[in-house]
Amino acid sequence: MSLKITEDCTSCDACVSVCPNTAISAGEVIYVIEEDRCTECVGAEDTPQCQLVCPADCIVIGTEETPDQLQAKYEALHG
């Protein structure tokens, strides 16, 4: 399940530096998560780090993916 950022985002920038896949960037209005790069931190951490640091609690489940799919995506990104 790659994550997405809702319109409740305050653009605080807290999530950007904790993403192990550099999947988060500034959009036109709010921050966005690149679905192809989001692994919910599978392969790097036990829980999604962006959700832990988000003061607005605006990072939610986007696309449903299995843990195996997320791990494969992580391995493709990091070799």
PDB file of N, CA and C in Angstrom:
ATOM      1  N   MET A   1       0.835  -1.168   0.000  1.00  0.00           N
ATOM      2  CA  MET A   1       0.000   0.000   0.000  1.00  0.00           C
ATOM      3  C   MET A   1       0.884   1.236   0.000  1.00  0.00           C
ATOM      4  N   SER A   2       1.075   1.813  -1.119  1.00  0.00           N
ATOM      5  CA  SER A   2       1.816   3.072  -1.104  1.00  0.00           C
ATOM      6  C   SER A   2       0.933   4.125  -0.461  1.00  0.00           C
ATOM      7  N   LEU A   3       1.561   5.094   0.130  1.00  0.00           N
ATOM      8  CA  LEU A   3       0.848   6.118   0.878  1.00  0.00           C
ATOM      9  C   LEU A   3       0.560   7.338   0.018  1.00  0.00           C
ATOM     10  N   LYS A   4      -0.321   8.186   0.510  1.00  0.00           N
ATOM     11  CA  LYS A   4      -0.603   9.457  -0.157  1.00  0.00           C
ATOM     12  C   LYS A   4      -0.797  10.517   0.917  1.00  0.00           C
ATOM     13  N   ILE A   5      -0.650  11.754   0.519  1.00  0.00           N
ATOM     14  CA  ILE A   5      -0.811  12.884   1.423  1.00  0.00           C
ATOM     15  C   ILE A   5      -2.124  13.587   1.089  1.00  0.00           C
ATOM     16  N   THR A   6      -2.937  13.807   2.113  1.00  0.00           N
ATOM     17  CA  THR A   6      -4.234  14.445   1.899  1.00  0.00           C
ATOM     18  C   THR A   6      -4.095  15.965   1.873  1.00  0.00           C
ATOM     19  N   GLU A   7      -5.186  16.629   1.564  1.00  0.00           N
ATOM     20  CA  GLU A   7      -5.205  18.088   1.485  1.00  0.00           C
ATOM     21  C   GLU A   7      -5.037  18.759   2.845  1.00  0.00           C
ATOM     22  N   ASP A   8      -5.011  17.968   3.919  1.00  0.00           N
ATOM     23  CA  ASP A   8      -4.785  18.527   5.249  1.00  0.00           C
ATOM     24  C   ASP A   8      -3.313  18.860   5.480  1.00  0.00           C
ATOM     25  N   CYS A   9      -2.457  18.538   4.513  1.00  0.00           N
ATOM     26  CA  CYS A   9      -1.015  18.797   4.609  1.00  0.00           C
ATOM     27  C   CYS A   9      -0.762  20.287   4.848  1.00  0.00           C
ATOM     28  N   THR A  10       0.132  20.571   5.791  1.00  0.00           N
ATOM     29  CA  THR A  10       0.496  21.959   6.099  1.00  0.00           C
ATOM     30  C   THR A  10       1.824  22.355   5.448  1.00  0.00           C
ATOM     31  N   SER A  11       2.385  21.458   4.626  1.00  0.00           N
ATOM     32  CA  SER A  11       3.668  21.692   3.948  1.00  0.00           C
ATOM     33  C   SER A  11       4.784  22.019   4.930  1.00  0.00           C
ATOM     34  N   CYS A  12       4.814  21.292   6.049  1.00  0.00           N
ATOM     35  CA  CYS A  12       5.803  21.561   7.100  1.00  0.00           C
ATOM     36  C   CYS A  12       7.180  21.009   6.758  1.00  0.00           C
ATOM     37  N   ASP A  13       7.262  20.075   5.811  1.00  0.00           N
ATOM     38  CA  ASP A  13       8.533  19.518   5.351  1.00  0.00           C
ATOM     39  C   ASP A  13       9.093  18.416   6.251  1.00  0.00           C
ATOM     40  N   ALA A  14       8.397  18.024   7.314  1.00  0.00           N
ATOM     41  CA  ALA A  14       8.904  17.020   8.256  1.00  0.00           C
ATOM     42  C   ALA A  14       9.074  15.648   7.613  1.00  0.00           C
ATOM     43  N   CYS A  15       8.245  15.315   6.668  1.00  0.00           N
ATOM     44  CA  CYS A  15       8.241  13.981   6.080  1.00  0.00           C
ATOM     45  C   CYS A  15       9.359  13.750   5.063  1.00  0.00           C
ATOM     46  N   VAL A  16       9.821  14.787   4.440  1.00  0.00           N
ATOM     47  CA  VAL A  16      10.762  14.660   3.327  1.00  0.00           C
ATOM     48  C   VAL A  16      12.052  13.971   3.746  1.00  0.00           C
ATOM     49  N   SER A  17      12.662  14.419   4.801  1.00  0.00           N
ATOM     50  CA  SER A  17      13.979  13.901   5.193  1.00  0.00           C
ATOM     51  C   SER A  17      13.948  12.494   5.773  1.00  0.00           C
ATOM     52  N   VAL A  18      12.798  12.021   6.223  1.00  0.00           N
ATOM     53  CA  VAL A  18      12.740  10.680   6.822  1.00  0.00           C
ATOM     54  C   VAL A  18      12.410   9.587   5.814  1.00  0.00           C
ATOM     55  N   CYS A  19      12.087   9.946   4.593  1.00  0.00           N
ATOM     56  CA  CYS A  19      11.719   8.955   3.578  1.00  0.00           C
ATOM     57  C   CYS A  19      12.980   8.275   3.028  1.00  0.00           C
ATOM     58  N   PRO A  20      13.114   6.951   3.204  1.00  0.00           N
ATOM     59  CA  PRO A  20      14.303   6.256   2.724  1.00  0.00           C
ATOM     60  C   PRO A  20      14.361   6.109   1.206  1.00  0.00           C
ATOM     61  N   ASN A  21      13.264   6.407   0.534  1.00  0.00           N
ATOM     62  CA  ASN A  21      13.184   6.220  -0.915  1.00  0.00           C
ATOM     63  C   ASN A  21      13.083   7.535  -1.689  1.00  0.00           C
ATOM     64  N   THR A  22      13.239   8.634  -1.015  1.00  0.00           N
ATOM     65  CA  THR A  22      13.061   9.965  -1.606  1.00  0.00           C
ATOM     66  C   THR A  22      11.793  10.039  -2.457  1.00  0.00           C
ATOM     67  N   ALA A  23      10.710   9.547  -1.883  1.00  0.00           N
ATOM     68  CA  ALA A  23       9.432   9.495  -2.591  1.00  0.00           C
ATOM     69  C   ALA A  23       8.576  10.737  -2.360  1.00  0.00           C
ATOM     70  N   ILE A  24       8.977  11.598  -1.429  1.00  0.00           N
ATOM     71  CA  ILE A  24       8.155  12.747  -1.062  1.00  0.00           C
ATOM     72  C   ILE A  24       8.799  14.030  -1.566  1.00  0.00           C
ATOM     73  N   SER A  25       7.982  14.865  -2.191  1.00  0.00           N
ATOM     74  CA  SER A  25       8.477  16.147  -2.687  1.00  0.00           C
ATOM     75  C   SER A  25       7.365  17.184  -2.622  1.00  0.00           C
ATOM     76  N   ALA A  26       7.750  18.435  -2.769  1.00  0.00           N
ATOM     77  CA  ALA A  26       6.773  19.519  -2.750  1.00  0.00           C
ATOM     78  C   ALA A  26       5.976  19.512  -4.045  1.00  0.00           C
ATOM     79  N   GLY A  27       4.675  19.565  -3.897  1.00  0.00           N
ATOM     80  CA  GLY A  27       3.804  19.705  -5.059  1.00  0.00           C
ATOM     81  C   GLY A  27       3.463  21.178  -5.236  1.00  0.00           C
ATOM     82  N   GLU A  28       2.471  21.456  -6.045  1.00  0.00           N
ATOM     83  CA  GLU A  28       2.084  22.852  -6.272  1.00  0.00           C
ATOM     84  C   GLU A  28       1.505  23.495  -5.019  1.00  0.00           C
ATOM     85  N   VAL A  29       0.722  22.716  -4.259  1.00  0.00           N
ATOM     86  CA  VAL A  29       0.082  23.264  -3.070  1.00  0.00           C
ATOM     87  C   VAL A  29       0.541  22.527  -1.803  1.00  0.00           C
ATOM     88  N   ILE A  30       0.571  21.201  -1.865  1.00  0.00           N
ATOM     89  CA  ILE A  30       0.962  20.371  -0.731  1.00  0.00           C
ATOM     90  C   ILE A  30       2.055  19.407  -1.169  1.00  0.00           C
ATOM     91  N   TYR A  31       2.621  18.703  -0.216  1.00  0.00           N
ATOM     92  CA  TYR A  31       3.612  17.689  -0.549  1.00  0.00           C
ATOM     93  C   TYR A  31       2.919  16.488  -1.176  1.00  0.00           C
ATOM     94  N   VAL A  32       3.667  15.764  -2.006  1.00  0.00           N
ATOM     95  CA  VAL A  32       3.119  14.598  -2.689  1.00  0.00           C
ATOM     96  C   VAL A  32       4.068  13.421  -2.529  1.00  0.00           C
ATOM     97  N   ILE A  33       3.501  12.212  -2.609  1.00  0.00           N
ATOM     98  CA  ILE A  33       4.282  10.984  -2.535  1.00  0.00           C
ATOM     99  C   ILE A  33       4.238  10.319  -3.894  1.00  0.00           C
ATOM    100  N   GLU A  34       5.406  10.045  -4.451  1.00  0.00           N
ATOM    101  CA  GLU A  34       5.505   9.353  -5.730  1.00  0.00           C
ATOM    102  C   GLU A  34       5.217   7.872  -5.504  1.00  0.00           C
ATOM    103  N   GLU A  35       4.101   7.412  -6.030  1.00  0.00           N
ATOM    104  CA  GLU A  35       3.626   6.052  -5.794  1.00  0.00           C
ATOM    105  C   GLU A  35       4.658   4.995  -6.188  1.00  0.00           C
ATOM    106  N   ASP A  36       5.388   5.228  -7.263  1.00  0.00           N
ATOM    107  CA  ASP A  36       6.377   4.255  -7.728  1.00  0.00           C
ATOM    108  C   ASP A  36       7.568   4.120  -6.783  1.00  0.00           C
ATOM    109  N   ARG A  37       7.753   5.083  -5.887  1.00  0.00           N
ATOM    110  CA  ARG A  37       8.897   5.054  -4.971  1.00  0.00           C
ATOM    111  C   ARG A  37       8.503   4.738  -3.528  1.00  0.00           C
ATOM    112  N   CYS A  38       7.215   4.803  -3.207  1.00  0.00           N
ATOM    113  CA  CYS A  38       6.768   4.568  -1.832  1.00  0.00           C
ATOM    114  C   CYS A  38       6.658   3.073  -1.551  1.00  0.00           C
ATOM    115  N   THR A  39       7.371   2.634  -0.505  1.00  0.00           N
ATOM    116  CA  THR A  39       7.294   1.236  -0.085  1.00  0.00           C
ATOM    117  C   THR A  39       6.749   1.125   1.336  1.00  0.00           C
ATOM    118  N   GLU A  40       6.185   2.208   1.856  1.00  0.00           N
ATOM    119  CA  GLU A  40       5.747   2.278   3.251  1.00  0.00           C
ATOM    120  C   GLU A  40       6.893   1.924   4.185  1.00  0.00           C
ATOM    121  N   CYS A  41       8.099   2.184   3.748  1.00  0.00           N
ATOM    122  CA  CYS A  41       9.339   1.928   4.477  1.00  0.00           C
ATOM    123  C   CYS A  41       9.661   0.434   4.615  1.00  0.00           C
ATOM    124  N   VAL A  42       8.910  -0.438   3.946  1.00  0.00           N
ATOM    125  CA  VAL A  42       9.254  -1.862   3.926  1.00  0.00           C
ATOM    126  C   VAL A  42      10.650  -1.976   3.326  1.00  0.00           C
ATOM    127  N   GLY A  43      11.485  -2.751   3.982  1.00  0.00           N
ATOM    128  CA  GLY A  43      12.862  -2.913   3.543  1.00  0.00           C
ATOM    129  C   GLY A  43      13.822  -1.995   4.267  1.00  0.00           C
ATOM    130  N   ALA A  44      13.290  -0.934   4.887  1.00  0.00           N
ATOM    131  CA  ALA A  44      14.151   0.029   5.578  1.00  0.00           C
ATOM    132  C   ALA A  44      13.772   0.184   7.053  1.00  0.00           C
ATOM    133  N   GLU A  45      12.503   0.231   7.349  1.00  0.00           N
ATOM    134  CA  GLU A  45      12.015   0.464   8.708  1.00  0.00           C
ATOM    135  C   GLU A  45      10.801  -0.425   8.976  1.00  0.00           C
ATOM    136  N   ASP A  46      10.404  -0.508  10.252  1.00  0.00           N
ATOM    137  CA  ASP A  46       9.245  -1.319  10.624  1.00  0.00           C
ATOM    138  C   ASP A  46       7.911  -0.624  10.353  1.00  0.00           C
ATOM    139  N   THR A  47       7.920   0.698  10.368  1.00  0.00           N
ATOM    140  CA  THR A  47       6.699   1.466  10.142  1.00  0.00           C
ATOM    141  C   THR A  47       7.013   2.646   9.234  1.00  0.00           C
ATOM    142  N   PRO A  48       6.012   3.150   8.535  1.00  0.00           N
ATOM    143  CA  PRO A  48       6.229   4.314   7.676  1.00  0.00           C
ATOM    144  C   PRO A  48       6.701   5.517   8.492  1.00  0.00           C
ATOM    145  N   GLN A  49       7.892   5.965   8.222  1.00  0.00           N
ATOM    146  CA  GLN A  49       8.490   7.049   8.989  1.00  0.00           C
ATOM    147  C   GLN A  49       7.779   8.379   8.771  1.00  0.00           C
ATOM    148  N   CYS A  50       7.278   8.608   7.585  1.00  0.00           N
ATOM    149  CA  CYS A  50       6.577   9.867   7.313  1.00  0.00           C
ATOM    150  C   CYS A  50       5.336  10.001   8.188  1.00  0.00           C
ATOM    151  N   GLN A  51       4.627   8.889   8.397  1.00  0.00           N
ATOM    152  CA  GLN A  51       3.440   8.941   9.246  1.00  0.00           C
ATOM    153  C   GLN A  51       3.813   9.253  10.695  1.00  0.00           C
ATOM    154  N   LEU A  52       4.967   8.765  11.133  1.00  0.00           N
ATOM    155  CA  LEU A  52       5.393   9.006  12.516  1.00  0.00           C
ATOM    156  C   LEU A  52       5.687  10.473  12.787  1.00  0.00           C
ATOM    157  N   VAL A  53       6.229  11.173  11.797  1.00  0.00           N
ATOM    158  CA  VAL A  53       6.638  12.566  12.027  1.00  0.00           C
ATOM    159  C   VAL A  53       5.612  13.601  11.577  1.00  0.00           C
ATOM    160  N   CYS A  54       4.575  13.191  10.882  1.00  0.00           N
ATOM    161  CA  CYS A  54       3.602  14.142  10.340  1.00  0.00           C
ATOM    162  C   CYS A  54       2.736  14.740  11.460  1.00  0.00           C
ATOM    163  N   PRO A  55       2.860  16.048  11.708  1.00  0.00           N
ATOM    164  CA  PRO A  55       2.057  16.671  12.766  1.00  0.00           C
ATOM    165  C   PRO A  55       0.582  16.826  12.393  1.00  0.00           C
ATOM    166  N   ALA A  56       0.267  16.757  11.112  1.00  0.00           N
ATOM    167  CA  ALA A  56      -1.114  16.931  10.668  1.00  0.00           C
ATOM    168  C   ALA A  56      -1.843  15.598  10.477  1.00  0.00           C
ATOM    169  N   ASP A  57      -1.146  14.478  10.664  1.00  0.00           N
ATOM    170  CA  ASP A  57      -1.734  13.149  10.442  1.00  0.00           C
ATOM    171  C   ASP A  57      -2.442  13.070   9.090  1.00  0.00           C
ATOM    172  N   CYS A  58      -1.777  13.573   8.057  1.00  0.00           N
ATOM    173  CA  CYS A  58      -2.417  13.644   6.742  1.00  0.00           C
ATOM    174  C   CYS A  58      -1.852  12.638   5.745  1.00  0.00           C
ATOM    175  N   ILE A  59      -1.053  11.678   6.217  1.00  0.00           N
ATOM    176  CA  ILE A  59      -0.495  10.666   5.319  1.00  0.00           C
ATOM    177  C   ILE A  59      -1.267   9.379   5.538  1.00  0.00           C
ATOM    178  N   VAL A  60      -1.952   8.949   4.497  1.00  0.00           N
ATOM    179  CA  VAL A  60      -2.877   7.820   4.587  1.00  0.00           C
ATOM    180  C   VAL A  60      -2.575   6.786   3.502  1.00  0.00           C
ATOM    181  N   ILE A  61      -3.234   5.655   3.606  1.00  0.00           N
ATOM    182  CA  ILE A  61      -3.074   4.597   2.616  1.00  0.00           C
ATOM    183  C   ILE A  61      -3.615   5.065   1.274  1.00  0.00           C
ATOM    184  N   GLY A  62      -2.817   4.852   0.241  1.00  0.00           N
ATOM    185  CA  GLY A  62      -3.224   5.205  -1.112  1.00  0.00           C
ATOM    186  C   GLY A  62      -3.580   3.958  -1.886  1.00  0.00           C
ATOM    187  N   THR A  63      -2.604   3.366  -2.539  1.00  0.00           N
ATOM    188  CA  THR A  63      -2.811   2.178  -3.357  1.00  0.00           C
ATOM    189  C   THR A  63      -2.497   0.921  -2.551  1.00  0.00           C
ATOM    190  N   GLU A  64      -3.389  -0.058  -2.605  1.00  0.00           N
ATOM    191  CA  GLU A  64      -3.185  -1.314  -1.902  1.00  0.00           C
ATOM    192  C   GLU A  64      -2.079  -2.121  -2.574  1.00  0.00           C
ATOM    193  N   GLU A  65      -1.068  -2.505  -1.791  1.00  0.00           N
ATOM    194  CA  GLU A  65       0.002  -3.375  -2.267  1.00  0.00           C
ATOM    195  C   GLU A  65       0.345  -4.356  -1.155  1.00  0.00           C
ATOM    196  N   THR A  66       0.761  -5.559  -1.525  1.00  0.00           N
ATOM    197  CA  THR A  66       1.129  -6.559  -0.532  1.00  0.00           C
ATOM    198  C   THR A  66       2.527  -6.259   0.007  1.00  0.00           C
ATOM    199  N   PRO A  67       2.862  -6.805   1.169  1.00  0.00           N
ATOM    200  CA  PRO A  67       4.227  -6.638   1.683  1.00  0.00           C
ATOM    201  C   PRO A  67       5.288  -7.132   0.691  1.00  0.00           C
ATOM    202  N   ASP A  68       5.001  -8.209  -0.019  1.00  0.00           N
ATOM    203  CA  ASP A  68       5.949  -8.720  -1.021  1.00  0.00           C
ATOM    204  C   ASP A  68       6.138  -7.727  -2.166  1.00  0.00           C
ATOM    205  N   GLN A  69       5.070  -7.097  -2.597  1.00  0.00           N
ATOM    206  CA  GLN A  69       5.168  -6.091  -3.660  1.00  0.00           C
ATOM    207  C   GLN A  69       5.984  -4.887  -3.187  1.00  0.00           C
ATOM    208  N   LEU A  70       5.757  -4.476  -1.946  1.00  0.00           N
ATOM    209  CA  LEU A  70       6.493  -3.347  -1.395  1.00  0.00           C
ATOM    210  C   LEU A  70       7.975  -3.673  -1.256  1.00  0.00           C
ATOM    211  N   GLN A  71       8.286  -4.889  -0.808  1.00  0.00           N
ATOM    212  CA  GLN A  71       9.677  -5.308  -0.674  1.00  0.00           C
ATOM    213  C   GLN A  71      10.354  -5.357  -2.038  1.00  0.00           C
ATOM    214  N   ALA A  72       9.653  -5.882  -3.044  1.00  0.00           N
ATOM    215  CA  ALA A  72      10.219  -5.930  -4.402  1.00  0.00           C
ATOM    216  C   ALA A  72      10.492  -4.534  -4.929  1.00  0.00           C
ATOM    217  N   LYS A  73       9.589  -3.610  -4.643  1.00  0.00           N
ATOM    218  CA  LYS A  73       9.778  -2.217  -5.090  1.00  0.00           C
ATOM    219  C   LYS A  73      11.005  -1.618  -4.406  1.00  0.00           C
ATOM    220  N   TYR A  74      11.149  -1.888  -3.082  1.00  0.00           N
ATOM    221  CA  TYR A  74      12.302  -1.382  -2.336  1.00  0.00           C
ATOM    222  C   TYR A  74      13.606  -1.931  -2.935  1.00  0.00           C
ATOM    223  N   GLU A  75      13.631  -3.232  -3.205  1.00  0.00           N
ATOM    224  CA  GLU A  75      14.838  -3.852  -3.759  1.00  0.00           C
ATOM    225  C   GLU A  75      15.157  -3.296  -5.146  1.00  0.00           C
ATOM    226  N   ALA A  76      14.151  -3.018  -5.941  1.00  0.00           N
ATOM    227  CA  ALA A  76      14.380  -2.429  -7.259  1.00  0.00           C
ATOM    228  C   ALA A  76      14.966  -1.026  -7.140  1.00  0.00           C
ATOM    229  N   LEU A  77      14.555  -0.292  -6.117  1.00  0.00           N
ATOM    230  CA  LEU A  77      15.060   1.064  -5.924  1.00  0.00           C
ATOM    231  C   LEU A  77      16.481   1.103  -5.369  1.00  0.00           C
ATOM    232  N   HIS A  78      16.800   0.106  -4.540  1.00  0.00           N
ATOM    233  CA  HIS A  78      18.065   0.135  -3.811  1.00  0.00           C
ATOM    234  C   HIS A  78      19.048  -0.966  -4.195  1.00  0.00           C
ATOM    235  N   GLY A  79      18.658  -1.780  -5.161  1.00  0.00           N
ATOM    236  CA  GLY A  79      19.566  -2.824  -5.646  1.00  0.00           C
ATOM    237  C   GLY A  79      19.742  -3.899  -4.693  1.00  0.00           C
TER     238      GLY A  79
END
